[in-house]
């Protein structure tokens, strides 16, 4: 039975975390850029 390569597994987990974090940041930027255009805030009349 082959040995488990723990370093490889750890590296894969780290890469997955980086990828997930990058996707979150990208989604936040997209959301931030789109939101003001779609929902302009009308000036308050007070």
C-alpha atoms as a PDB file:
ATOM      1  CA  UNK A   1       0.000   0.000   0.000  1.00  0.00           C
ATOM      2  CA  UNK A   2       1.473   3.404  -0.983  1.00  0.00           C
ATOM      3  CA  UNK A   3       2.275   6.012   1.621  1.00  0.00           C
ATOM      4  CA  UNK A   4       0.154   9.104   1.912  1.00  0.00           C
ATOM      5  CA  UNK A   5       1.924  12.232   0.716  1.00  0.00           C
ATOM      6  CA  UNK A   6       0.874  14.711   3.382  1.00  0.00           C
ATOM      7  CA  UNK A   7       2.881  17.568   1.883  1.00  0.00           C
ATOM      8  CA  UNK A   8       0.974  17.219  -1.381  1.00  0.00           C
ATOM      9  CA  UNK A   9      -2.373  17.173   0.434  1.00  0.00           C
ATOM     10  CA  UNK A  10      -1.433  20.246   2.468  1.00  0.00           C
ATOM     11  CA  UNK A  11      -0.279  22.081  -0.658  1.00  0.00           C
ATOM     12  CA  UNK A  12      -3.559  21.265  -2.398  1.00  0.00           C
ATOM     13  CA  UNK A  13      -5.552  22.585   0.574  1.00  0.00           C
ATOM     14  CA  UNK A  14      -3.503  25.785   0.569  1.00  0.00           C
ATOM     15  CA  UNK A  15      -4.054  26.255  -3.163  1.00  0.00           C
ATOM     16  CA  UNK A  16      -7.789  25.677  -2.711  1.00  0.00           C
ATOM     17  CA  UNK A  17      -7.879  28.295   0.055  1.00  0.00           C
ATOM     18  CA  UNK A  18      -6.028  30.815  -2.130  1.00  0.00           C
ATOM     19  CA  UNK A  19      -8.349  30.145  -5.050  1.00  0.00           C
ATOM     20  CA  UNK A  20     -11.458  30.493  -2.879  1.00  0.00           C
ATOM     21  CA  UNK A  21     -10.162  33.726  -1.336  1.00  0.00           C
ATOM     22  CA  UNK A  22      -9.373  35.165  -4.776  1.00  0.00           C
ATOM     23  CA  UNK A  23     -12.872  34.293  -5.981  1.00  0.00           C
ATOM     24  CA  UNK A  24     -14.423  35.996  -2.946  1.00  0.00           C
ATOM     25  CA  UNK A  25     -12.396  39.150  -3.569  1.00  0.00           C
ATOM     26  CA  UNK A  26     -13.349  39.108  -7.251  1.00  0.00           C
ATOM     27  CA  UNK A  27     -17.046  38.700  -6.409  1.00  0.00           C
ATOM     28  CA  UNK A  28     -16.874  41.558  -3.904  1.00  0.00           C
ATOM     29  CA  UNK A  29     -15.278  43.830  -6.526  1.00  0.00           C
ATOM     30  CA  UNK A  30     -17.915  42.896  -9.098  1.00  0.00           C
ATOM     31  CA  UNK A  31     -20.708  43.458  -6.590  1.00  0.00           C
ATOM     32  CA  UNK A  32     -19.174  46.767  -5.506  1.00  0.00           C
ATOM     33  CA  UNK A  33     -18.849  48.012  -9.097  1.00  0.00           C
ATOM     34  CA  UNK A  34     -22.307  46.912 -10.272  1.00  0.00           C
ATOM     35  CA  UNK A  35     -24.382  47.963  -7.267  1.00  0.00           C
ATOM     36  CA  UNK A  36     -24.017  51.767  -7.626  1.00  0.00           C
ATOM     37  CA  UNK A  37     -24.954  51.631 -11.326  1.00  0.00           C
ATOM     38  CA  UNK A  38     -28.078  49.508 -10.860  1.00  0.00           C
ATOM     39  CA  UNK A  39     -29.414  51.230  -7.749  1.00  0.00           C
ATOM     40  CA  UNK A  40     -28.616  54.928  -7.834  1.00  0.00           C
ATOM     41  CA  UNK A  41     -29.524  56.645  -4.591  1.00  0.00           C
ATOM     42  CA  UNK A  42     -31.848  59.588  -5.235  1.00  0.00           C
ATOM     43  CA  UNK A  43     -30.893  62.772  -3.360  1.00  0.00           C
ATOM     44  CA  UNK A  44     -32.948  63.284  -0.241  1.00  0.00           C
ATOM     45  CA  UNK A  45     -35.305  66.247  -0.268  1.00  0.00           C
ATOM     46  CA  UNK A  46     -35.057  67.443   3.322  1.00  0.00           C
END
